[in-house]
Amino acid sequence: MDSEKNSNTFRFMRKSPSFGERVYVAKDAHVSGSVVLGDDASIWPMAVARGDVNRIVIGTRSNVQDGCVLHVTHESAWQPEGGPLIIGDDVTLGHAAVLHACRVGDRCLVGMGATVMDGAVLEADAMVGGGAVVPPGKRVESGTLWRGNPASRARDLTDQEIEYLLYSARHYVKLKDLYLAGAR
């Protein structure tokens, strides 16, 4: 683990973040508690991943861009197992996105400033537009774009947009590699 990562990752309630290979966490990001980052994942400046009352899993090659907030739901009488936050592989979370106790499938993109609430599920290869609010329990189908507040299905994704989902994640892998190498 590089020194930049050590300065902003915190143990909480006997649970510490764990990291795969070649992970990048910006020095002004915050990662605490039960957070698992897959290989080549990245967390950018001012992003927060707080696995304090449940777990957060961030998949391989997924990126959490500047200012994102990732959190979970605690166990309670209303939700006996609480609500973890599970993010698949090759996912892009745009700047200032907020995700709370939801599930995001592989190769998804959550646009800048979008919010995805408790129990929502984004199937693989789905896109949530910037500023959209996906309400609790909503299912976003594979191959679709959702927009608005509350978010609703806008249309099917084009083949080019589906290709872009993977391109975006791969681009951020290259970018984080430059940061890890100390590019100036």
N, C-alpha and C. Protein backbone atom coordinates (compact mmCIF):
# COMPACT_ATOMS: atom_id res chain seq x y z
N MET A 1 0.86 -1.17 0.00
CA MET A 1 0.00 0.00 0.00
C MET A 1 0.90 1.23 0.00
N ASP A 2 0.63 2.19 -0.89
CA ASP A 2 1.50 3.36 -0.94
C ASP A 2 1.16 4.33 0.19
N SER A 3 2.08 5.26 0.45
CA SER A 3 1.92 6.17 1.59
C SER A 3 0.72 7.08 1.43
N GLU A 4 0.40 7.44 0.19
CA GLU A 4 -0.76 8.30 -0.01
C GLU A 4 -2.02 7.60 0.49
N LYS A 5 -2.14 6.31 0.26
CA LYS A 5 -3.30 5.55 0.67
C LYS A 5 -3.39 5.45 2.20
N ASN A 6 -2.26 5.30 2.88
CA ASN A 6 -2.26 5.12 4.32
C ASN A 6 -2.76 6.33 5.09
N SER A 7 -2.59 7.51 4.56
CA SER A 7 -2.90 8.72 5.32
C SER A 7 -4.39 9.03 5.42
N ASN A 8 -5.23 8.32 4.70
CA ASN A 8 -6.65 8.68 4.66
C ASN A 8 -7.56 7.47 4.69
N THR A 9 -7.05 6.33 5.13
CA THR A 9 -7.87 5.14 5.29
C THR A 9 -7.90 4.81 6.77
N PHE A 10 -9.08 4.48 7.27
CA PHE A 10 -9.26 4.40 8.71
C PHE A 10 -9.99 3.12 9.12
N ARG A 11 -9.53 2.56 10.21
CA ARG A 11 -10.20 1.44 10.86
C ARG A 11 -11.39 2.01 11.63
N PHE A 12 -12.50 1.26 11.64
CA PHE A 12 -13.67 1.68 12.40
C PHE A 12 -14.36 0.43 12.94
N MET A 13 -14.59 0.38 14.24
CA MET A 13 -15.27 -0.75 14.87
C MET A 13 -14.61 -2.08 14.48
N ARG A 14 -13.29 -2.11 14.56
CA ARG A 14 -12.48 -3.29 14.26
C ARG A 14 -12.53 -3.72 12.80
N LYS A 15 -12.99 -2.85 11.92
CA LYS A 15 -13.02 -3.17 10.49
C LYS A 15 -12.17 -2.16 9.74
N SER A 16 -11.31 -2.68 8.87
CA SER A 16 -10.40 -1.83 8.11
C SER A 16 -10.64 -2.03 6.62
N PRO A 17 -10.41 -0.99 5.83
CA PRO A 17 -10.50 -1.14 4.38
C PRO A 17 -9.48 -2.17 3.89
N SER A 18 -9.82 -2.84 2.80
CA SER A 18 -8.86 -3.75 2.17
C SER A 18 -8.76 -3.42 0.69
N PHE A 19 -7.57 -3.62 0.16
CA PHE A 19 -7.25 -3.15 -1.19
C PHE A 19 -6.69 -4.27 -2.04
N GLY A 20 -7.14 -4.32 -3.29
CA GLY A 20 -6.54 -5.22 -4.26
C GLY A 20 -5.22 -4.66 -4.75
N GLU A 21 -4.76 -5.16 -5.86
CA GLU A 21 -3.51 -4.71 -6.46
C GLU A 21 -3.71 -3.41 -7.23
N ARG A 22 -2.69 -2.56 -7.22
CA ARG A 22 -2.63 -1.34 -8.04
C ARG A 22 -3.83 -0.40 -7.81
N VAL A 23 -4.27 -0.28 -6.58
CA VAL A 23 -5.38 0.60 -6.21
C VAL A 23 -4.85 2.00 -5.97
N TYR A 24 -5.62 3.01 -6.38
CA TYR A 24 -5.26 4.40 -6.11
C TYR A 24 -6.35 5.04 -5.26
N VAL A 25 -5.94 5.65 -4.15
CA VAL A 25 -6.83 6.45 -3.31
C VAL A 25 -6.17 7.81 -3.15
N ALA A 26 -6.81 8.86 -3.64
CA ALA A 26 -6.25 10.21 -3.53
C ALA A 26 -6.04 10.58 -2.07
N LYS A 27 -5.02 11.40 -1.81
CA LYS A 27 -4.67 11.72 -0.42
C LYS A 27 -5.75 12.50 0.31
N ASP A 28 -6.66 13.16 -0.40
CA ASP A 28 -7.73 13.89 0.27
C ASP A 28 -9.08 13.21 0.13
N ALA A 29 -9.07 11.93 -0.21
CA ALA A 29 -10.28 11.10 -0.14
C ALA A 29 -10.36 10.52 1.27
N HIS A 30 -11.49 9.92 1.61
CA HIS A 30 -11.68 9.31 2.93
C HIS A 30 -12.27 7.92 2.73
N VAL A 31 -11.60 6.90 3.25
CA VAL A 31 -12.08 5.52 3.15
C VAL A 31 -12.02 4.93 4.55
N SER A 32 -13.16 4.47 5.08
CA SER A 32 -13.16 3.95 6.44
C SER A 32 -14.08 2.76 6.60
N GLY A 33 -13.71 1.89 7.54
CA GLY A 33 -14.53 0.75 7.89
C GLY A 33 -14.43 -0.38 6.89
N SER A 34 -15.53 -1.07 6.72
CA SER A 34 -15.60 -2.26 5.88
C SER A 34 -15.76 -1.87 4.41
N VAL A 35 -14.64 -1.53 3.78
CA VAL A 35 -14.61 -1.14 2.37
C VAL A 35 -13.60 -2.05 1.67
N VAL A 36 -14.02 -2.68 0.59
CA VAL A 36 -13.15 -3.55 -0.20
C VAL A 36 -13.02 -2.95 -1.59
N LEU A 37 -11.78 -2.70 -2.01
CA LEU A 37 -11.52 -2.19 -3.36
C LEU A 37 -10.84 -3.28 -4.18
N GLY A 38 -11.42 -3.58 -5.34
CA GLY A 38 -10.84 -4.58 -6.23
C GLY A 38 -9.61 -4.05 -6.94
N ASP A 39 -8.92 -4.93 -7.63
CA ASP A 39 -7.72 -4.56 -8.38
C ASP A 39 -8.01 -3.40 -9.32
N ASP A 40 -7.05 -2.48 -9.42
CA ASP A 40 -7.11 -1.35 -10.35
C ASP A 40 -8.26 -0.38 -10.10
N ALA A 41 -8.90 -0.46 -8.93
CA ALA A 41 -9.95 0.51 -8.58
C ALA A 41 -9.30 1.84 -8.20
N SER A 42 -10.09 2.91 -8.27
CA SER A 42 -9.55 4.22 -7.90
C SER A 42 -10.61 5.06 -7.20
N ILE A 43 -10.13 5.83 -6.21
CA ILE A 43 -10.98 6.78 -5.49
C ILE A 43 -10.27 8.12 -5.57
N TRP A 44 -10.97 9.11 -6.09
CA TRP A 44 -10.37 10.40 -6.46
C TRP A 44 -10.59 11.45 -5.38
N PRO A 45 -10.01 12.65 -5.55
CA PRO A 45 -10.04 13.67 -4.49
C PRO A 45 -11.44 13.97 -3.96
N MET A 46 -11.50 14.12 -2.65
CA MET A 46 -12.68 14.54 -1.90
C MET A 46 -13.82 13.52 -1.93
N ALA A 47 -13.57 12.32 -2.44
CA ALA A 47 -14.58 11.26 -2.39
C ALA A 47 -14.56 10.62 -1.01
N VAL A 48 -15.72 10.12 -0.59
CA VAL A 48 -15.87 9.47 0.71
C VAL A 48 -16.50 8.10 0.50
N ALA A 49 -15.88 7.06 1.07
CA ALA A 49 -16.44 5.71 1.09
C ALA A 49 -16.47 5.29 2.55
N ARG A 50 -17.65 5.36 3.15
CA ARG A 50 -17.78 5.15 4.60
C ARG A 50 -18.52 3.84 4.88
N GLY A 51 -17.74 2.79 5.12
CA GLY A 51 -18.31 1.49 5.44
C GLY A 51 -18.38 1.29 6.94
N ASP A 52 -19.02 2.22 7.62
CA ASP A 52 -19.03 2.20 9.08
C ASP A 52 -20.10 1.29 9.67
N VAL A 53 -21.28 1.21 9.07
CA VAL A 53 -22.36 0.40 9.64
C VAL A 53 -22.76 -0.76 8.74
N ASN A 54 -22.09 -0.92 7.63
CA ASN A 54 -22.28 -2.05 6.72
C ASN A 54 -21.12 -2.03 5.74
N ARG A 55 -21.10 -2.94 4.80
CA ARG A 55 -19.94 -3.05 3.93
C ARG A 55 -20.15 -2.35 2.59
N ILE A 56 -19.02 -1.91 2.02
CA ILE A 56 -18.97 -1.36 0.67
C ILE A 56 -17.99 -2.21 -0.12
N VAL A 57 -18.40 -2.64 -1.30
CA VAL A 57 -17.53 -3.38 -2.20
C VAL A 57 -17.44 -2.59 -3.49
N ILE A 58 -16.23 -2.27 -3.91
CA ILE A 58 -15.98 -1.53 -5.15
C ILE A 58 -15.20 -2.46 -6.06
N GLY A 59 -15.79 -2.80 -7.20
CA GLY A 59 -15.24 -3.82 -8.07
C GLY A 59 -13.96 -3.45 -8.80
N THR A 60 -13.41 -4.44 -9.45
CA THR A 60 -12.19 -4.31 -10.23
C THR A 60 -12.36 -3.25 -11.32
N ARG A 61 -11.37 -2.39 -11.45
CA ARG A 61 -11.30 -1.34 -12.47
C ARG A 61 -12.43 -0.30 -12.36
N SER A 62 -13.10 -0.24 -11.23
CA SER A 62 -14.14 0.78 -11.05
C SER A 62 -13.52 2.06 -10.50
N ASN A 63 -14.13 3.19 -10.84
CA ASN A 63 -13.60 4.48 -10.40
C ASN A 63 -14.68 5.29 -9.71
N VAL A 64 -14.28 5.91 -8.61
CA VAL A 64 -15.14 6.76 -7.78
C VAL A 64 -14.56 8.16 -7.91
N GLN A 65 -15.20 8.98 -8.73
CA GLN A 65 -14.61 10.27 -9.08
C GLN A 65 -14.78 11.32 -7.98
N ASP A 66 -14.16 12.45 -8.20
CA ASP A 66 -14.06 13.53 -7.23
C ASP A 66 -15.41 13.87 -6.59
N GLY A 67 -15.43 13.93 -5.27
CA GLY A 67 -16.59 14.40 -4.54
C GLY A 67 -17.72 13.40 -4.38
N CYS A 68 -17.55 12.16 -4.80
CA CYS A 68 -18.60 11.15 -4.61
C CYS A 68 -18.77 10.84 -3.12
N VAL A 69 -19.98 10.45 -2.75
CA VAL A 69 -20.26 10.00 -1.39
C VAL A 69 -20.86 8.60 -1.49
N LEU A 70 -20.21 7.64 -0.83
CA LEU A 70 -20.67 6.26 -0.79
C LEU A 70 -20.95 5.90 0.66
N HIS A 71 -22.18 5.43 0.94
CA HIS A 71 -22.52 5.07 2.31
C HIS A 71 -23.50 3.90 2.29
N VAL A 72 -23.83 3.41 3.48
CA VAL A 72 -24.59 2.18 3.67
C VAL A 72 -25.67 2.39 4.73
N THR A 73 -26.51 1.36 4.93
CA THR A 73 -27.57 1.42 5.93
C THR A 73 -27.30 0.41 7.03
N HIS A 74 -27.52 0.81 8.27
CA HIS A 74 -27.28 -0.07 9.42
C HIS A 74 -28.39 -1.10 9.58
N GLU A 75 -28.09 -2.13 10.36
CA GLU A 75 -29.08 -3.14 10.70
C GLU A 75 -30.10 -2.52 11.65
N SER A 76 -31.38 -2.88 11.45
CA SER A 76 -32.44 -2.35 12.32
C SER A 76 -33.64 -3.29 12.27
N ALA A 77 -34.65 -2.99 13.07
CA ALA A 77 -35.88 -3.78 13.04
C ALA A 77 -36.54 -3.71 11.67
N TRP A 78 -36.37 -2.60 10.98
CA TRP A 78 -36.99 -2.41 9.67
C TRP A 78 -36.18 -3.07 8.56
N GLN A 79 -34.89 -3.20 8.79
CA GLN A 79 -33.99 -3.77 7.79
C GLN A 79 -32.95 -4.62 8.54
N PRO A 80 -33.34 -5.88 8.88
CA PRO A 80 -32.51 -6.71 9.76
C PRO A 80 -31.06 -6.88 9.30
N GLU A 81 -30.81 -6.93 8.00
CA GLU A 81 -29.44 -7.09 7.52
C GLU A 81 -28.81 -5.76 7.12
N GLY A 82 -29.53 -4.69 7.28
CA GLY A 82 -29.03 -3.40 6.84
C GLY A 82 -28.95 -3.36 5.33
N GLY A 83 -28.16 -2.44 4.82
CA GLY A 83 -28.02 -2.31 3.38
C GLY A 83 -26.59 -2.04 2.99
N PRO A 84 -25.91 -3.03 2.39
CA PRO A 84 -24.56 -2.79 1.89
C PRO A 84 -24.61 -2.00 0.59
N LEU A 85 -23.46 -1.55 0.14
CA LEU A 85 -23.32 -0.90 -1.17
C LEU A 85 -22.38 -1.78 -1.98
N ILE A 86 -22.89 -2.34 -3.06
CA ILE A 86 -22.11 -3.26 -3.89
C ILE A 86 -21.98 -2.65 -5.28
N ILE A 87 -20.75 -2.40 -5.70
CA ILE A 87 -20.45 -1.81 -7.00
C ILE A 87 -19.67 -2.84 -7.80
N GLY A 88 -20.14 -3.14 -9.00
CA GLY A 88 -19.52 -4.17 -9.83
C GLY A 88 -18.20 -3.74 -10.44
N ASP A 89 -17.77 -4.50 -11.44
CA ASP A 89 -16.52 -4.24 -12.14
C ASP A 89 -16.73 -3.23 -13.27
N ASP A 90 -15.69 -2.46 -13.57
CA ASP A 90 -15.70 -1.52 -14.71
C ASP A 90 -16.82 -0.49 -14.60
N VAL A 91 -17.06 0.00 -13.40
CA VAL A 91 -18.11 1.00 -13.15
C VAL A 91 -17.47 2.38 -13.05
N THR A 92 -18.15 3.38 -13.61
CA THR A 92 -17.74 4.77 -13.49
C THR A 92 -18.78 5.52 -12.67
N LEU A 93 -18.35 6.11 -11.56
CA LEU A 93 -19.21 6.98 -10.76
C LEU A 93 -18.73 8.40 -10.99
N GLY A 94 -19.53 9.19 -11.71
CA GLY A 94 -19.15 10.55 -12.07
C GLY A 94 -19.02 11.45 -10.86
N HIS A 95 -18.37 12.58 -11.06
CA HIS A 95 -18.10 13.56 -10.01
C HIS A 95 -19.37 13.86 -9.21
N ALA A 96 -19.23 13.82 -7.89
CA ALA A 96 -20.28 14.21 -6.94
C ALA A 96 -21.51 13.31 -6.96
N ALA A 97 -21.39 12.10 -7.48
CA ALA A 97 -22.50 11.15 -7.39
C ALA A 97 -22.63 10.69 -5.93
N VAL A 98 -23.86 10.37 -5.53
CA VAL A 98 -24.13 9.88 -4.18
C VAL A 98 -24.80 8.52 -4.32
N LEU A 99 -24.22 7.50 -3.71
CA LEU A 99 -24.79 6.16 -3.73
C LEU A 99 -24.97 5.70 -2.30
N HIS A 100 -26.18 5.21 -1.98
CA HIS A 100 -26.48 4.81 -0.61
C HIS A 100 -27.14 3.43 -0.61
N ALA A 101 -26.43 2.44 -0.09
CA ALA A 101 -26.98 1.10 0.15
C ALA A 101 -27.72 0.54 -1.07
N CYS A 102 -27.07 0.57 -2.21
CA CYS A 102 -27.68 0.08 -3.45
C CYS A 102 -26.73 -0.91 -4.12
N ARG A 103 -27.13 -1.42 -5.28
CA ARG A 103 -26.30 -2.36 -6.04
C ARG A 103 -26.14 -1.84 -7.46
N VAL A 104 -24.89 -1.84 -7.92
CA VAL A 104 -24.57 -1.35 -9.26
C VAL A 104 -23.87 -2.49 -10.00
N GLY A 105 -24.45 -2.91 -11.12
CA GLY A 105 -23.88 -4.01 -11.89
C GLY A 105 -22.63 -3.60 -12.65
N ASP A 106 -22.03 -4.57 -13.32
CA ASP A 106 -20.82 -4.33 -14.10
C ASP A 106 -21.08 -3.36 -15.24
N ARG A 107 -20.05 -2.58 -15.57
CA ARG A 107 -20.04 -1.68 -16.72
C ARG A 107 -21.19 -0.66 -16.70
N CYS A 108 -21.48 -0.13 -15.55
CA CYS A 108 -22.49 0.94 -15.44
C CYS A 108 -21.79 2.29 -15.34
N LEU A 109 -22.54 3.33 -15.63
CA LEU A 109 -22.07 4.70 -15.44
C LEU A 109 -23.15 5.47 -14.71
N VAL A 110 -22.77 6.08 -13.59
CA VAL A 110 -23.66 6.97 -12.84
C VAL A 110 -23.13 8.37 -13.06
N GLY A 111 -23.94 9.22 -13.69
CA GLY A 111 -23.50 10.55 -14.10
C GLY A 111 -23.23 11.50 -12.95
N MET A 112 -22.59 12.60 -13.30
CA MET A 112 -22.21 13.62 -12.32
C MET A 112 -23.42 14.12 -11.54
N GLY A 113 -23.30 14.15 -10.23
CA GLY A 113 -24.35 14.70 -9.38
C GLY A 113 -25.58 13.83 -9.26
N ALA A 114 -25.55 12.62 -9.78
CA ALA A 114 -26.70 11.71 -9.66
C ALA A 114 -26.73 11.09 -8.27
N THR A 115 -27.92 10.63 -7.86
CA THR A 115 -28.11 9.98 -6.57
C THR A 115 -28.81 8.65 -6.81
N VAL A 116 -28.30 7.59 -6.18
CA VAL A 116 -28.92 6.27 -6.25
C VAL A 116 -29.20 5.84 -4.81
N MET A 117 -30.48 5.63 -4.50
CA MET A 117 -30.91 5.43 -3.11
C MET A 117 -30.97 3.95 -2.70
N ASP A 118 -31.28 3.74 -1.43
CA ASP A 118 -31.32 2.42 -0.79
C ASP A 118 -32.14 1.41 -1.58
N GLY A 119 -31.56 0.24 -1.77
CA GLY A 119 -32.27 -0.87 -2.39
C GLY A 119 -32.42 -0.78 -3.89
N ALA A 120 -31.98 0.32 -4.49
CA ALA A 120 -32.04 0.42 -5.95
C ALA A 120 -31.02 -0.54 -6.55
N VAL A 121 -31.33 -1.03 -7.75
CA VAL A 121 -30.44 -1.96 -8.45
C VAL A 121 -30.23 -1.45 -9.87
N LEU A 122 -28.97 -1.26 -10.24
CA LEU A 122 -28.62 -0.96 -11.62
C LEU A 122 -28.09 -2.24 -12.23
N GLU A 123 -28.80 -2.76 -13.22
CA GLU A 123 -28.33 -3.96 -13.89
C GLU A 123 -27.09 -3.62 -14.72
N ALA A 124 -26.37 -4.64 -15.17
CA ALA A 124 -25.16 -4.44 -15.96
C ALA A 124 -25.45 -3.59 -17.19
N ASP A 125 -24.46 -2.80 -17.61
CA ASP A 125 -24.55 -1.99 -18.84
C ASP A 125 -25.70 -0.99 -18.81
N ALA A 126 -25.89 -0.33 -17.68
CA ALA A 126 -26.92 0.70 -17.55
C ALA A 126 -26.26 2.04 -17.28
N MET A 127 -27.00 3.12 -17.57
CA MET A 127 -26.48 4.47 -17.38
C MET A 127 -27.54 5.32 -16.68
N VAL A 128 -27.09 6.07 -15.67
CA VAL A 128 -27.94 7.04 -14.98
C VAL A 128 -27.40 8.41 -15.33
N GLY A 129 -28.24 9.27 -15.89
CA GLY A 129 -27.81 10.59 -16.33
C GLY A 129 -27.45 11.51 -15.18
N GLY A 130 -26.64 12.50 -15.48
CA GLY A 130 -26.22 13.48 -14.50
C GLY A 130 -27.41 14.13 -13.81
N GLY A 131 -27.34 14.25 -12.48
CA GLY A 131 -28.38 14.90 -11.70
C GLY A 131 -29.61 14.07 -11.43
N ALA A 132 -29.69 12.88 -11.99
CA ALA A 132 -30.87 12.03 -11.79
C ALA A 132 -30.93 11.53 -10.35
N VAL A 133 -32.14 11.22 -9.89
CA VAL A 133 -32.32 10.63 -8.57
C VAL A 133 -33.07 9.31 -8.75
N VAL A 134 -32.37 8.21 -8.52
CA VAL A 134 -32.97 6.88 -8.61
C VAL A 134 -33.56 6.57 -7.24
N PRO A 135 -34.90 6.45 -7.14
CA PRO A 135 -35.54 6.28 -5.83
C PRO A 135 -35.27 4.91 -5.20
N PRO A 136 -35.55 4.78 -3.91
CA PRO A 136 -35.35 3.51 -3.22
C PRO A 136 -36.08 2.37 -3.92
N GLY A 137 -35.38 1.24 -4.04
CA GLY A 137 -36.00 0.03 -4.58
C GLY A 137 -36.18 -0.02 -6.08
N LYS A 138 -35.84 1.02 -6.80
CA LYS A 138 -36.04 1.06 -8.26
C LYS A 138 -35.03 0.15 -8.95
N ARG A 139 -35.43 -0.51 -10.03
CA ARG A 139 -34.54 -1.35 -10.84
C ARG A 139 -34.32 -0.66 -12.18
N VAL A 140 -33.05 -0.40 -12.50
CA VAL A 140 -32.66 0.21 -13.77
C VAL A 140 -32.19 -0.92 -14.68
N GLU A 141 -32.92 -1.14 -15.76
CA GLU A 141 -32.66 -2.30 -16.62
C GLU A 141 -31.38 -2.14 -17.42
N SER A 142 -30.77 -3.29 -17.72
CA SER A 142 -29.58 -3.35 -18.55
C SER A 142 -29.84 -2.71 -19.90
N GLY A 143 -28.86 -1.95 -20.40
CA GLY A 143 -28.96 -1.36 -21.73
C GLY A 143 -29.86 -0.15 -21.82
N THR A 144 -30.16 0.49 -20.67
CA THR A 144 -31.04 1.66 -20.69
C THR A 144 -30.38 2.87 -20.05
N LEU A 145 -30.90 4.04 -20.43
CA LEU A 145 -30.51 5.33 -19.84
C LEU A 145 -31.69 5.83 -19.03
N TRP A 146 -31.40 6.24 -17.78
CA TRP A 146 -32.43 6.81 -16.90
C TRP A 146 -32.04 8.24 -16.57
N ARG A 147 -33.05 9.13 -16.56
CA ARG A 147 -32.84 10.55 -16.27
C ARG A 147 -33.97 11.08 -15.39
N GLY A 148 -33.71 12.25 -14.78
CA GLY A 148 -34.76 12.98 -14.08
C GLY A 148 -34.82 12.72 -12.59
N ASN A 149 -35.77 13.43 -11.95
CA ASN A 149 -36.00 13.32 -10.52
C ASN A 149 -37.51 13.29 -10.27
N PRO A 150 -38.08 12.12 -9.97
CA PRO A 150 -37.40 10.84 -9.84
C PRO A 150 -36.99 10.30 -11.21
N ALA A 151 -35.94 9.51 -11.22
CA ALA A 151 -35.42 8.97 -12.49
C ALA A 151 -36.44 8.03 -13.13
N SER A 152 -36.51 8.13 -14.44
CA SER A 152 -37.34 7.21 -15.21
C SER A 152 -36.58 6.84 -16.48
N ARG A 153 -37.02 5.77 -17.08
CA ARG A 153 -36.36 5.29 -18.29
C ARG A 153 -36.53 6.30 -19.40
N ALA A 154 -35.40 6.78 -19.95
CA ALA A 154 -35.45 7.75 -21.04
C ALA A 154 -35.44 7.03 -22.39
N ARG A 155 -34.57 6.00 -22.51
CA ARG A 155 -34.45 5.28 -23.78
C ARG A 155 -33.45 4.15 -23.64
N ASP A 156 -33.35 3.36 -24.70
CA ASP A 156 -32.30 2.34 -24.76
C ASP A 156 -30.97 3.02 -25.08
N LEU A 157 -29.89 2.44 -24.59
CA LEU A 157 -28.56 2.93 -24.95
C LEU A 157 -28.22 2.49 -26.36
N THR A 158 -27.46 3.32 -27.06
CA THR A 158 -26.97 2.94 -28.38
C THR A 158 -25.78 1.99 -28.21
N ASP A 159 -25.42 1.30 -29.28
CA ASP A 159 -24.25 0.43 -29.22
C ASP A 159 -23.00 1.22 -28.84
N GLN A 160 -22.89 2.43 -29.37
CA GLN A 160 -21.73 3.28 -29.07
C GLN A 160 -21.70 3.65 -27.58
N GLU A 161 -22.85 3.95 -27.00
CA GLU A 161 -22.91 4.27 -25.56
C GLU A 161 -22.53 3.06 -24.71
N ILE A 162 -22.97 1.89 -25.11
CA ILE A 162 -22.61 0.68 -24.36
C ILE A 162 -21.10 0.45 -24.43
N GLU A 163 -20.49 0.68 -25.59
CA GLU A 163 -19.03 0.58 -25.71
C GLU A 163 -18.35 1.61 -24.81
N TYR A 164 -18.94 2.81 -24.71
CA TYR A 164 -18.35 3.87 -23.90
C TYR A 164 -18.29 3.50 -22.42
N LEU A 165 -19.25 2.71 -21.94
CA LEU A 165 -19.25 2.33 -20.53
C LEU A 165 -17.93 1.65 -20.15
N LEU A 166 -17.48 0.73 -20.98
CA LEU A 166 -16.22 0.04 -20.72
C LEU A 166 -15.03 0.97 -20.98
N TYR A 167 -15.11 1.78 -22.04
CA TYR A 167 -14.04 2.73 -22.34
C TYR A 167 -13.79 3.66 -21.15
N SER A 168 -14.85 4.18 -20.55
CA SER A 168 -14.71 5.12 -19.44
C SER A 168 -13.95 4.49 -18.28
N ALA A 169 -14.32 3.28 -17.93
CA ALA A 169 -13.64 2.60 -16.82
C ALA A 169 -12.17 2.34 -17.16
N ARG A 170 -11.90 1.91 -18.38
CA ARG A 170 -10.52 1.62 -18.78
C ARG A 170 -9.67 2.90 -18.83
N HIS A 171 -10.29 4.00 -19.25
CA HIS A 171 -9.58 5.29 -19.25
C HIS A 171 -9.13 5.65 -17.83
N TYR A 172 -10.01 5.47 -16.86
CA TYR A 172 -9.65 5.80 -15.49
C TYR A 172 -8.59 4.86 -14.91
N VAL A 173 -8.50 3.63 -15.40
CA VAL A 173 -7.40 2.75 -14.99
C VAL A 173 -6.08 3.35 -15.47
N LYS A 174 -6.04 3.79 -16.71
CA LYS A 174 -4.81 4.40 -17.24
C LYS A 174 -4.45 5.67 -16.48
N LEU A 175 -5.46 6.48 -16.17
CA LEU A 175 -5.22 7.72 -15.45
C LEU A 175 -4.68 7.45 -14.05
N LYS A 176 -5.27 6.51 -13.34
CA LYS A 176 -4.79 6.22 -11.98
C LYS A 176 -3.39 5.64 -12.02
N ASP A 177 -3.06 4.89 -13.09
CA ASP A 177 -1.69 4.37 -13.22
C ASP A 177 -0.68 5.51 -13.32
N LEU A 178 -1.05 6.57 -14.02
CA LEU A 178 -0.17 7.74 -14.11
C LEU A 178 0.02 8.38 -12.74
N TYR A 179 -1.07 8.49 -11.98
CA TYR A 179 -0.95 9.05 -10.63
C TYR A 179 -0.10 8.16 -9.73
N LEU A 180 -0.29 6.85 -9.81
CA LEU A 180 0.52 5.94 -9.00
C LEU A 180 2.00 6.02 -9.35
N ALA A 181 2.28 6.30 -10.63
CA ALA A 181 3.67 6.40 -11.08
C ALA A 181 4.29 7.76 -10.74
N GLY A 182 3.48 8.67 -10.20
CA GLY A 182 4.00 9.97 -9.80
C GLY A 182 4.12 10.96 -10.94
N ALA A 183 3.30 10.82 -11.97
CA ALA A 183 3.35 11.75 -13.11
C ALA A 183 3.17 13.18 -12.62
N ARG A 184 3.94 14.06 -13.18
CA ARG A 184 3.86 15.48 -12.82
C ARG A 184 3.67 16.31 -14.07
